[in-house]
Amino acid sequence: DPLIFEQQLIWLKKLFRVLSLQDALKLAKENRLPRNVVVITIDDGFKDCFNYVFPLLQKHELTATFFITTSGLKNGYLWESQISQCFTYLNPNIRQITLGKKTFDWTDSNSQNNAIQRMTELIKYQPLIQRQQLLDELSKQLNSSIDHLDTFLTPAELKQMYKAGMTIGAHTVNHPILNLEKPEIAF
């Protein structure tokens, strides 16, 4: 919620010395990092970074480091958005969904919310290859397409943020759970 985030920024600015990540690291390396220092970092790179976070940081004259999952720049979305897209135009007659070897009840709003949460967790904690297989299986079963997803920052938005003083870093290419991956994929 942007209003809650703004309140958090106000408190951070009031109670702490907000530094850039580079400044904090430099001071720490020199053993001169003062008390009550905080660094603001944002992971992934969803569109809300540009639409809400970035303007609020500018309003309060703060900077942050945005760690971007780079496949989102290329695709316009991350895997979580594929899950959401699968349920956007779902046939209302569906009563259960099978994913992998698990069946999820889809009879009412409570079971649907529970199913989405459990499916997301199931997909998230898979190595990338199996994650994509499950996403493809879900898309096929629900007759869903990901043709028009636009939930991620664009390169132009990222450049604008950088030019305004934000720091940009990498947060993996595909956002895997690194300890589930073989070293050649994780590194």
N, C-alpha and C. Protein backbone atom coordinates (compact mmCIF):
# COMPACT_ATOMS: atom_id res chain seq x y z
N ASP A 1 0.85 -1.18 0.00
CA ASP A 1 0.00 0.00 0.00
C ASP A 1 0.90 1.25 0.00
N PRO A 2 0.75 2.11 -0.98
CA PRO A 2 1.61 3.29 -1.08
C PRO A 2 1.55 4.20 0.16
N LEU A 3 0.38 4.32 0.78
CA LEU A 3 0.28 5.17 1.97
C LEU A 3 1.08 4.61 3.14
N ILE A 4 1.05 3.30 3.30
CA ILE A 4 1.85 2.66 4.36
C ILE A 4 3.33 2.81 4.04
N PHE A 5 3.69 2.59 2.78
CA PHE A 5 5.10 2.74 2.39
C PHE A 5 5.58 4.16 2.65
N GLU A 6 4.75 5.13 2.32
CA GLU A 6 5.15 6.52 2.55
C GLU A 6 5.34 6.79 4.04
N GLN A 7 4.45 6.26 4.86
CA GLN A 7 4.61 6.44 6.31
C GLN A 7 5.91 5.81 6.80
N GLN A 8 6.25 4.65 6.23
CA GLN A 8 7.50 4.00 6.60
C GLN A 8 8.70 4.86 6.20
N LEU A 9 8.63 5.48 5.03
CA LEU A 9 9.72 6.35 4.60
C LEU A 9 9.86 7.54 5.56
N ILE A 10 8.74 8.10 5.97
CA ILE A 10 8.76 9.24 6.90
C ILE A 10 9.45 8.83 8.21
N TRP A 11 9.08 7.66 8.72
CA TRP A 11 9.69 7.19 9.97
C TRP A 11 11.18 6.87 9.78
N LEU A 12 11.52 6.24 8.68
CA LEU A 12 12.94 5.95 8.43
C LEU A 12 13.76 7.24 8.41
N LYS A 13 13.23 8.24 7.71
CA LYS A 13 13.94 9.50 7.59
C LYS A 13 14.04 10.21 8.95
N LYS A 14 13.01 10.07 9.75
CA LYS A 14 12.97 10.73 11.06
C LYS A 14 13.89 10.05 12.07
N LEU A 15 13.93 8.72 12.06
CA LEU A 15 14.62 7.98 13.11
C LEU A 15 16.01 7.48 12.73
N PHE A 16 16.33 7.49 11.44
CA PHE A 16 17.60 6.94 10.99
C PHE A 16 18.29 7.89 10.03
N ARG A 17 19.54 7.60 9.81
CA ARG A 17 20.28 8.27 8.73
C ARG A 17 20.20 7.32 7.54
N VAL A 18 19.51 7.74 6.50
CA VAL A 18 19.32 6.90 5.31
C VAL A 18 20.49 7.14 4.35
N LEU A 19 21.22 6.07 4.06
CA LEU A 19 22.37 6.15 3.16
C LEU A 19 22.12 5.32 1.92
N SER A 20 22.85 5.65 0.88
CA SER A 20 22.86 4.78 -0.29
C SER A 20 23.63 3.52 0.07
N LEU A 21 23.38 2.45 -0.65
CA LEU A 21 24.10 1.21 -0.38
C LEU A 21 25.61 1.40 -0.56
N GLN A 22 26.00 2.14 -1.61
CA GLN A 22 27.42 2.36 -1.86
C GLN A 22 28.08 3.11 -0.70
N ASP A 23 27.41 4.15 -0.20
CA ASP A 23 27.98 4.93 0.91
C ASP A 23 28.08 4.08 2.17
N ALA A 24 27.05 3.30 2.45
CA ALA A 24 27.07 2.45 3.64
C ALA A 24 28.19 1.41 3.55
N LEU A 25 28.36 0.81 2.38
CA LEU A 25 29.42 -0.18 2.21
C LEU A 25 30.80 0.45 2.35
N LYS A 26 30.96 1.63 1.78
CA LYS A 26 32.25 2.33 1.87
C LYS A 26 32.58 2.65 3.32
N LEU A 27 31.62 3.19 4.06
CA LEU A 27 31.85 3.53 5.46
C LEU A 27 32.11 2.27 6.30
N ALA A 28 31.39 1.20 6.00
CA ALA A 28 31.60 -0.06 6.74
C ALA A 28 33.01 -0.59 6.48
N LYS A 29 33.45 -0.52 5.23
CA LYS A 29 34.79 -0.99 4.88
C LYS A 29 35.87 -0.18 5.61
N GLU A 30 35.59 1.10 5.79
CA GLU A 30 36.53 1.98 6.49
C GLU A 30 36.34 1.94 8.00
N ASN A 31 35.43 1.10 8.45
CA ASN A 31 35.11 0.97 9.88
C ASN A 31 34.59 2.28 10.47
N ARG A 32 33.86 3.04 9.65
CA ARG A 32 33.33 4.34 10.07
C ARG A 32 31.80 4.42 9.94
N LEU A 33 31.14 3.30 9.88
CA LEU A 33 29.69 3.29 9.72
C LEU A 33 29.04 3.78 11.02
N PRO A 34 28.30 4.87 10.96
CA PRO A 34 27.69 5.39 12.19
C PRO A 34 26.50 4.53 12.64
N ARG A 35 26.08 4.76 13.87
CA ARG A 35 24.89 4.08 14.38
C ARG A 35 23.65 4.66 13.70
N ASN A 36 22.58 3.92 13.80
CA ASN A 36 21.28 4.35 13.27
C ASN A 36 21.30 4.64 11.77
N VAL A 37 22.00 3.80 11.04
CA VAL A 37 22.04 3.91 9.58
C VAL A 37 21.11 2.87 8.99
N VAL A 38 20.43 3.25 7.94
CA VAL A 38 19.57 2.31 7.21
C VAL A 38 19.78 2.51 5.72
N VAL A 39 19.68 1.40 4.99
CA VAL A 39 19.75 1.41 3.53
C VAL A 39 18.43 0.85 3.03
N ILE A 40 17.86 1.49 2.03
CA ILE A 40 16.60 1.02 1.46
C ILE A 40 16.91 0.21 0.21
N THR A 41 16.44 -1.04 0.19
CA THR A 41 16.60 -1.88 -1.00
C THR A 41 15.25 -2.45 -1.38
N ILE A 42 15.05 -2.62 -2.67
CA ILE A 42 13.81 -3.14 -3.22
C ILE A 42 14.18 -4.26 -4.19
N ASP A 43 13.56 -5.42 -4.03
CA ASP A 43 13.87 -6.58 -4.88
C ASP A 43 12.87 -6.75 -6.02
N ASP A 44 13.33 -7.38 -7.06
CA ASP A 44 12.59 -7.89 -8.20
C ASP A 44 12.47 -6.89 -9.33
N GLY A 45 11.66 -5.86 -9.21
CA GLY A 45 11.52 -4.88 -10.30
C GLY A 45 10.13 -4.83 -10.90
N PHE A 46 9.13 -5.09 -10.10
CA PHE A 46 7.76 -4.99 -10.61
C PHE A 46 7.40 -3.54 -10.90
N LYS A 47 6.37 -3.35 -11.68
CA LYS A 47 5.94 -2.03 -12.15
C LYS A 47 5.67 -1.06 -11.00
N ASP A 48 5.23 -1.58 -9.84
CA ASP A 48 4.95 -0.69 -8.72
C ASP A 48 6.20 0.05 -8.24
N CYS A 49 7.37 -0.48 -8.55
CA CYS A 49 8.61 0.24 -8.22
C CYS A 49 8.63 1.61 -8.90
N PHE A 50 8.23 1.66 -10.13
CA PHE A 50 8.24 2.91 -10.88
C PHE A 50 7.00 3.76 -10.57
N ASN A 51 5.85 3.10 -10.46
CA ASN A 51 4.60 3.83 -10.28
C ASN A 51 4.41 4.40 -8.88
N TYR A 52 4.93 3.73 -7.85
CA TYR A 52 4.69 4.15 -6.47
C TYR A 52 5.97 4.39 -5.67
N VAL A 53 6.86 3.42 -5.67
CA VAL A 53 8.05 3.50 -4.82
C VAL A 53 8.95 4.65 -5.25
N PHE A 54 9.30 4.70 -6.50
CA PHE A 54 10.21 5.73 -7.02
C PHE A 54 9.68 7.15 -6.77
N PRO A 55 8.41 7.46 -7.10
CA PRO A 55 7.92 8.82 -6.82
C PRO A 55 7.93 9.17 -5.33
N LEU A 56 7.64 8.21 -4.47
CA LEU A 56 7.65 8.48 -3.03
C LEU A 56 9.07 8.71 -2.52
N LEU A 57 10.01 7.95 -3.05
CA LEU A 57 11.41 8.19 -2.68
C LEU A 57 11.83 9.60 -3.09
N GLN A 58 11.47 9.99 -4.29
CA GLN A 58 11.81 11.34 -4.75
C GLN A 58 11.13 12.40 -3.90
N LYS A 59 9.88 12.21 -3.58
CA LYS A 59 9.11 13.17 -2.76
C LYS A 59 9.81 13.41 -1.43
N HIS A 60 10.36 12.35 -0.84
CA HIS A 60 11.00 12.46 0.47
C HIS A 60 12.52 12.58 0.39
N GLU A 61 13.01 12.84 -0.84
CA GLU A 61 14.43 13.06 -1.09
C GLU A 61 15.29 11.92 -0.55
N LEU A 62 14.87 10.70 -0.87
CA LEU A 62 15.58 9.50 -0.47
C LEU A 62 15.99 8.71 -1.71
N THR A 63 16.99 7.87 -1.53
CA THR A 63 17.38 6.98 -2.61
C THR A 63 17.25 5.54 -2.13
N ALA A 64 17.26 4.64 -3.08
CA ALA A 64 17.19 3.22 -2.78
C ALA A 64 18.00 2.47 -3.83
N THR A 65 18.29 1.23 -3.49
CA THR A 65 18.91 0.32 -4.45
C THR A 65 17.84 -0.66 -4.90
N PHE A 66 17.63 -0.76 -6.19
CA PHE A 66 16.64 -1.67 -6.77
C PHE A 66 17.40 -2.85 -7.36
N PHE A 67 17.17 -4.03 -6.78
CA PHE A 67 17.78 -5.26 -7.29
C PHE A 67 16.80 -5.91 -8.25
N ILE A 68 17.15 -5.93 -9.52
CA ILE A 68 16.24 -6.30 -10.60
C ILE A 68 16.48 -7.74 -11.06
N THR A 69 15.40 -8.49 -11.19
CA THR A 69 15.46 -9.81 -11.81
C THR A 69 15.40 -9.57 -13.31
N THR A 70 16.50 -9.83 -13.98
CA THR A 70 16.67 -9.32 -15.35
C THR A 70 15.77 -9.97 -16.39
N SER A 71 15.30 -11.19 -16.18
CA SER A 71 14.39 -11.78 -17.17
C SER A 71 13.09 -10.97 -17.28
N GLY A 72 12.72 -10.28 -16.20
CA GLY A 72 11.53 -9.44 -16.24
C GLY A 72 11.67 -8.29 -17.23
N LEU A 73 12.88 -7.78 -17.37
CA LEU A 73 13.11 -6.70 -18.35
C LEU A 73 12.86 -7.19 -19.76
N LYS A 74 13.26 -8.42 -20.03
CA LYS A 74 13.10 -9.00 -21.36
C LYS A 74 11.65 -9.40 -21.61
N ASN A 75 11.04 -10.06 -20.62
CA ASN A 75 9.70 -10.64 -20.82
C ASN A 75 8.55 -9.70 -20.46
N GLY A 76 8.80 -8.76 -19.58
CA GLY A 76 7.72 -7.89 -19.10
C GLY A 76 6.99 -8.46 -17.90
N TYR A 77 7.46 -9.58 -17.38
CA TYR A 77 6.83 -10.22 -16.23
C TYR A 77 7.79 -11.24 -15.64
N LEU A 78 7.45 -11.69 -14.41
CA LEU A 78 8.13 -12.82 -13.78
C LEU A 78 7.13 -13.94 -13.62
N TRP A 79 7.59 -15.08 -13.20
CA TRP A 79 6.75 -16.28 -13.14
C TRP A 79 5.50 -16.08 -12.29
N GLU A 80 5.56 -15.26 -11.23
CA GLU A 80 4.39 -15.03 -10.39
C GLU A 80 3.24 -14.44 -11.19
N SER A 81 3.58 -13.58 -12.15
CA SER A 81 2.55 -12.96 -12.98
C SER A 81 1.88 -13.98 -13.90
N GLN A 82 2.63 -15.00 -14.29
CA GLN A 82 2.03 -16.07 -15.10
C GLN A 82 0.92 -16.76 -14.31
N ILE A 83 1.15 -16.98 -13.03
CA ILE A 83 0.12 -17.62 -12.21
C ILE A 83 -1.12 -16.74 -12.16
N SER A 84 -0.94 -15.47 -11.89
CA SER A 84 -2.08 -14.54 -11.84
C SER A 84 -2.84 -14.54 -13.16
N GLN A 85 -2.09 -14.51 -14.26
CA GLN A 85 -2.72 -14.49 -15.58
C GLN A 85 -3.57 -15.74 -15.82
N CYS A 86 -3.12 -16.87 -15.32
CA CYS A 86 -3.87 -18.11 -15.50
C CYS A 86 -5.28 -18.02 -14.91
N PHE A 87 -5.42 -17.24 -13.85
CA PHE A 87 -6.71 -17.18 -13.15
C PHE A 87 -7.54 -15.96 -13.54
N THR A 88 -7.02 -15.10 -14.40
CA THR A 88 -7.73 -13.88 -14.76
C THR A 88 -9.03 -14.17 -15.50
N TYR A 89 -9.00 -15.04 -16.48
CA TYR A 89 -10.19 -15.33 -17.28
C TYR A 89 -10.58 -16.79 -17.14
N LEU A 90 -10.55 -17.29 -15.93
CA LEU A 90 -10.80 -18.69 -15.66
C LEU A 90 -12.27 -19.05 -15.90
N ASN A 91 -12.48 -20.18 -16.53
CA ASN A 91 -13.83 -20.70 -16.75
C ASN A 91 -14.53 -20.86 -15.40
N PRO A 92 -15.69 -20.24 -15.19
CA PRO A 92 -16.37 -20.31 -13.89
C PRO A 92 -16.89 -21.71 -13.54
N ASN A 93 -16.92 -22.63 -14.48
CA ASN A 93 -17.41 -23.98 -14.20
C ASN A 93 -16.35 -24.91 -13.63
N ILE A 94 -15.11 -24.45 -13.56
CA ILE A 94 -14.04 -25.30 -13.02
C ILE A 94 -14.25 -25.48 -11.52
N ARG A 95 -14.13 -26.72 -11.06
CA ARG A 95 -14.32 -27.04 -9.64
C ARG A 95 -13.06 -27.59 -8.98
N GLN A 96 -12.09 -27.99 -9.80
CA GLN A 96 -10.80 -28.42 -9.25
C GLN A 96 -9.73 -28.25 -10.31
N ILE A 97 -8.51 -28.11 -9.82
CA ILE A 97 -7.35 -27.93 -10.70
C ILE A 97 -6.29 -28.92 -10.24
N THR A 98 -5.70 -29.59 -11.21
CA THR A 98 -4.63 -30.53 -10.90
C THR A 98 -3.32 -29.93 -11.41
N LEU A 99 -2.34 -29.93 -10.52
CA LEU A 99 -1.03 -29.39 -10.87
C LEU A 99 0.02 -30.34 -10.33
N GLY A 100 0.85 -30.86 -11.22
CA GLY A 100 1.79 -31.90 -10.82
C GLY A 100 0.97 -33.11 -10.40
N LYS A 101 1.19 -33.57 -9.23
CA LYS A 101 0.43 -34.72 -8.73
C LYS A 101 -0.57 -34.29 -7.65
N LYS A 102 -0.82 -32.99 -7.55
CA LYS A 102 -1.72 -32.48 -6.51
C LYS A 102 -2.99 -31.93 -7.14
N THR A 103 -4.09 -32.14 -6.44
CA THR A 103 -5.38 -31.61 -6.88
C THR A 103 -5.82 -30.54 -5.89
N PHE A 104 -6.31 -29.43 -6.43
CA PHE A 104 -6.72 -28.29 -5.62
C PHE A 104 -8.21 -28.02 -5.82
N ASP A 105 -8.91 -27.88 -4.70
CA ASP A 105 -10.33 -27.57 -4.70
C ASP A 105 -10.53 -26.14 -5.21
N TRP A 106 -11.54 -25.95 -6.06
CA TRP A 106 -11.81 -24.64 -6.65
C TRP A 106 -13.31 -24.35 -6.60
N THR A 107 -13.94 -24.62 -5.47
CA THR A 107 -15.40 -24.54 -5.39
C THR A 107 -15.93 -23.22 -4.86
N ASP A 108 -15.17 -22.52 -4.04
CA ASP A 108 -15.64 -21.24 -3.50
C ASP A 108 -14.44 -20.31 -3.32
N SER A 109 -14.69 -19.07 -2.94
CA SER A 109 -13.60 -18.09 -2.87
C SER A 109 -12.53 -18.47 -1.84
N ASN A 110 -12.91 -19.06 -0.73
CA ASN A 110 -11.92 -19.48 0.26
C ASN A 110 -11.02 -20.58 -0.29
N SER A 111 -11.62 -21.59 -0.92
CA SER A 111 -10.81 -22.67 -1.48
C SER A 111 -9.95 -22.15 -2.64
N GLN A 112 -10.46 -21.21 -3.40
CA GLN A 112 -9.69 -20.64 -4.50
C GLN A 112 -8.48 -19.87 -4.00
N ASN A 113 -8.67 -19.04 -2.98
CA ASN A 113 -7.54 -18.30 -2.41
C ASN A 113 -6.50 -19.25 -1.83
N ASN A 114 -6.99 -20.27 -1.14
CA ASN A 114 -6.09 -21.29 -0.58
C ASN A 114 -5.34 -22.02 -1.70
N ALA A 115 -6.05 -22.36 -2.76
CA ALA A 115 -5.43 -23.07 -3.88
C ALA A 115 -4.36 -22.23 -4.56
N ILE A 116 -4.64 -20.96 -4.78
CA ILE A 116 -3.66 -20.08 -5.42
C ILE A 116 -2.41 -19.99 -4.56
N GLN A 117 -2.59 -19.82 -3.27
CA GLN A 117 -1.45 -19.74 -2.36
C GLN A 117 -0.64 -21.04 -2.39
N ARG A 118 -1.30 -22.16 -2.32
CA ARG A 118 -0.61 -23.45 -2.31
C ARG A 118 0.06 -23.74 -3.66
N MET A 119 -0.60 -23.40 -4.77
CA MET A 119 0.01 -23.60 -6.09
C MET A 119 1.24 -22.72 -6.26
N THR A 120 1.14 -21.48 -5.79
CA THR A 120 2.27 -20.56 -5.89
C THR A 120 3.46 -21.12 -5.12
N GLU A 121 3.23 -21.61 -3.91
CA GLU A 121 4.31 -22.20 -3.12
C GLU A 121 4.88 -23.44 -3.80
N LEU A 122 4.00 -24.27 -4.34
CA LEU A 122 4.45 -25.47 -5.05
C LEU A 122 5.36 -25.10 -6.21
N ILE A 123 4.95 -24.13 -7.00
CA ILE A 123 5.72 -23.72 -8.18
C ILE A 123 7.02 -23.02 -7.76
N LYS A 124 6.93 -22.16 -6.77
CA LYS A 124 8.09 -21.38 -6.33
C LYS A 124 9.25 -22.27 -5.90
N TYR A 125 8.96 -23.32 -5.17
CA TYR A 125 10.03 -24.14 -4.59
C TYR A 125 10.40 -25.31 -5.49
N GLN A 126 10.51 -25.04 -6.78
CA GLN A 126 10.97 -26.00 -7.77
C GLN A 126 12.18 -25.43 -8.47
N PRO A 127 13.09 -26.28 -8.91
CA PRO A 127 14.15 -25.78 -9.79
C PRO A 127 13.51 -25.17 -11.04
N LEU A 128 14.23 -24.28 -11.71
CA LEU A 128 13.67 -23.52 -12.84
C LEU A 128 13.00 -24.38 -13.89
N ILE A 129 13.60 -25.49 -14.26
CA ILE A 129 13.04 -26.33 -15.31
C ILE A 129 11.69 -26.89 -14.89
N GLN A 130 11.61 -27.41 -13.67
CA GLN A 130 10.33 -27.95 -13.18
C GLN A 130 9.32 -26.83 -12.95
N ARG A 131 9.80 -25.66 -12.52
CA ARG A 131 8.91 -24.52 -12.33
C ARG A 131 8.22 -24.17 -13.65
N GLN A 132 9.01 -24.10 -14.72
CA GLN A 132 8.43 -23.75 -16.01
C GLN A 132 7.48 -24.84 -16.50
N GLN A 133 7.81 -26.10 -16.25
CA GLN A 133 6.91 -27.19 -16.64
C GLN A 133 5.57 -27.07 -15.92
N LEU A 134 5.59 -26.75 -14.63
CA LEU A 134 4.34 -26.58 -13.89
C LEU A 134 3.56 -25.38 -14.39
N LEU A 135 4.25 -24.30 -14.69
CA LEU A 135 3.56 -23.12 -15.24
C LEU A 135 2.93 -23.43 -16.59
N ASP A 136 3.64 -24.16 -17.43
CA ASP A 136 3.09 -24.56 -18.73
C ASP A 136 1.89 -25.47 -18.55
N GLU A 137 1.99 -26.40 -17.62
CA GLU A 137 0.88 -27.32 -17.33
C GLU A 137 -0.35 -26.54 -16.86
N LEU A 138 -0.14 -25.59 -15.97
CA LEU A 138 -1.25 -24.78 -15.46
C LEU A 138 -1.87 -23.94 -16.58
N SER A 139 -1.03 -23.29 -17.38
CA SER A 139 -1.53 -22.48 -18.50
C SER A 139 -2.34 -23.32 -19.48
N LYS A 140 -1.83 -24.51 -19.80
CA LYS A 140 -2.53 -25.38 -20.75
C LYS A 140 -3.86 -25.85 -20.17
N GLN A 141 -3.85 -26.29 -18.93
CA GLN A 141 -5.06 -26.79 -18.29
C GLN A 141 -6.15 -25.72 -18.20
N LEU A 142 -5.74 -24.48 -17.95
CA LEU A 142 -6.71 -23.40 -17.79
C LEU A 142 -6.90 -22.59 -19.06
N ASN A 143 -6.28 -23.06 -20.15
CA ASN A 143 -6.41 -22.41 -21.45
C ASN A 143 -6.05 -20.92 -21.35
N SER A 144 -4.90 -20.67 -20.75
CA SER A 144 -4.47 -19.30 -20.47
C SER A 144 -3.29 -18.94 -21.36
N SER A 145 -3.17 -17.66 -21.63
CA SER A 145 -2.08 -17.15 -22.45
C SER A 145 -1.38 -16.04 -21.69
N ILE A 146 -0.09 -15.87 -21.92
CA ILE A 146 0.65 -14.79 -21.27
C ILE A 146 1.12 -13.75 -22.29
N ASP A 147 0.34 -13.58 -23.34
CA ASP A 147 0.75 -12.71 -24.43
C ASP A 147 0.88 -11.24 -24.06
N HIS A 148 0.07 -10.76 -23.13
CA HIS A 148 0.01 -9.31 -22.91
C HIS A 148 0.31 -8.90 -21.48
N LEU A 149 1.19 -9.62 -20.83
CA LEU A 149 1.54 -9.25 -19.47
C LEU A 149 2.51 -8.07 -19.49
N ASP A 150 2.27 -7.12 -18.62
CA ASP A 150 3.13 -5.95 -18.51
C ASP A 150 3.18 -5.57 -17.03
N THR A 151 3.83 -6.42 -16.23
CA THR A 151 3.85 -6.20 -14.78
C THR A 151 5.23 -5.81 -14.28
N PHE A 152 6.17 -5.60 -15.20
CA PHE A 152 7.55 -5.38 -14.82
C PHE A 152 8.04 -4.03 -15.33
N LEU A 153 9.07 -3.53 -14.67
CA LEU A 153 9.73 -2.31 -15.15
C LEU A 153 10.19 -2.47 -16.59
N THR A 154 10.21 -1.38 -17.29
CA THR A 154 10.80 -1.38 -18.63
C THR A 154 12.23 -0.86 -18.53
N PRO A 155 13.07 -1.15 -19.52
CA PRO A 155 14.42 -0.58 -19.50
C PRO A 155 14.41 0.95 -19.43
N ALA A 156 13.46 1.60 -20.10
CA ALA A 156 13.39 3.07 -20.08
C ALA A 156 13.06 3.57 -18.66
N GLU A 157 12.16 2.90 -17.97
CA GLU A 157 11.83 3.30 -16.59
C GLU A 157 13.03 3.11 -15.68
N LEU A 158 13.73 2.02 -15.87
CA LEU A 158 14.92 1.74 -15.06
C LEU A 158 15.98 2.82 -15.29
N LYS A 159 16.18 3.21 -16.54
CA LYS A 159 17.15 4.27 -16.85
C LYS A 159 16.75 5.59 -16.20
N GLN A 160 15.45 5.89 -16.22
CA GLN A 160 14.97 7.12 -15.60
C GLN A 160 15.24 7.11 -14.09
N MET A 161 15.02 5.98 -13.46
CA MET A 161 15.27 5.85 -12.03
C MET A 161 16.77 6.02 -11.74
N TYR A 162 17.60 5.40 -12.56
CA TYR A 162 19.05 5.51 -12.40
C TYR A 162 19.51 6.96 -12.54
N LYS A 163 19.01 7.64 -13.56
CA LYS A 163 19.39 9.03 -13.79
C LYS A 163 18.95 9.94 -12.65
N ALA A 164 17.91 9.52 -11.91
CA ALA A 164 17.42 10.31 -10.78
C ALA A 164 18.15 9.97 -9.48
N GLY A 165 19.18 9.11 -9.54
CA GLY A 165 19.99 8.84 -8.37
C GLY A 165 19.76 7.50 -7.69
N MET A 166 18.87 6.69 -8.24
CA MET A 166 18.65 5.37 -7.67
C MET A 166 19.78 4.44 -8.13
N THR A 167 20.12 3.47 -7.31
CA THR A 167 21.13 2.49 -7.67
C THR A 167 20.42 1.26 -8.20
N ILE A 168 20.98 0.67 -9.23
CA ILE A 168 20.39 -0.53 -9.84
C ILE A 168 21.38 -1.68 -9.69
N GLY A 169 20.87 -2.80 -9.20
CA GLY A 169 21.69 -3.99 -9.05
C GLY A 169 20.95 -5.20 -9.61
N ALA A 170 21.62 -6.33 -9.64
CA ALA A 170 21.02 -7.55 -10.19
C ALA A 170 20.48 -8.43 -9.06
N HIS A 171 19.36 -9.06 -9.33
CA HIS A 171 18.71 -9.98 -8.39
C HIS A 171 18.42 -11.29 -9.11
N THR A 172 19.42 -11.86 -9.69
CA THR A 172 19.39 -13.07 -10.52
C THR A 172 18.71 -12.78 -11.86
N VAL A 173 18.79 -13.75 -12.75
CA VAL A 173 18.14 -13.63 -14.05
C VAL A 173 16.68 -14.06 -13.95
N ASN A 174 16.44 -15.25 -13.38
CA ASN A 174 15.08 -15.83 -13.38
C ASN A 174 14.46 -16.00 -12.00
N HIS A 175 15.10 -15.46 -10.97
CA HIS A 175 14.58 -15.51 -9.61
C HIS A 175 14.36 -16.94 -9.10
N PRO A 176 15.38 -17.80 -9.25
CA PRO A 176 15.23 -19.16 -8.72
C PRO A 176 15.47 -19.20 -7.22
N ILE A 177 15.11 -20.30 -6.61
CA ILE A 177 15.55 -20.59 -5.25
C ILE A 177 16.94 -21.21 -5.43
N LEU A 178 17.96 -20.46 -5.14
CA LEU A 178 19.32 -20.84 -5.53
C LEU A 178 19.77 -22.18 -4.97
N ASN A 179 19.36 -22.53 -3.77
CA ASN A 179 19.83 -23.80 -3.22
C ASN A 179 19.13 -25.00 -3.84
N LEU A 180 18.14 -24.79 -4.70
CA LEU A 180 17.49 -25.88 -5.43
C LEU A 180 18.15 -26.14 -6.78
N GLU A 181 19.02 -25.23 -7.19
CA GLU A 181 19.60 -25.30 -8.53
C GLU A 181 20.98 -25.96 -8.53
N LYS A 182 21.33 -26.51 -9.67
CA LYS A 182 22.68 -27.00 -9.87
C LYS A 182 23.60 -25.78 -9.93
N PRO A 183 24.86 -25.94 -9.52
CA PRO A 183 25.76 -24.78 -9.49
C PRO A 183 25.85 -24.03 -10.81
N GLU A 184 25.82 -24.74 -11.94
CA GLU A 184 25.94 -24.04 -13.23
C GLU A 184 24.73 -23.15 -13.53
N ILE A 185 23.62 -23.42 -12.92
CA ILE A 185 22.43 -22.57 -13.09
C ILE A 185 22.43 -21.47 -12.03
N ALA A 186 22.79 -21.82 -10.81
CA ALA A 186 22.78 -20.87 -9.69
C ALA A 186 23.81 -19.76 -9.88
N PHE A 187 24.93 -20.09 -10.53
CA PHE A 187 25.97 -19.08 -10.70
C PHE A 187 25.95 -18.63 -12.11
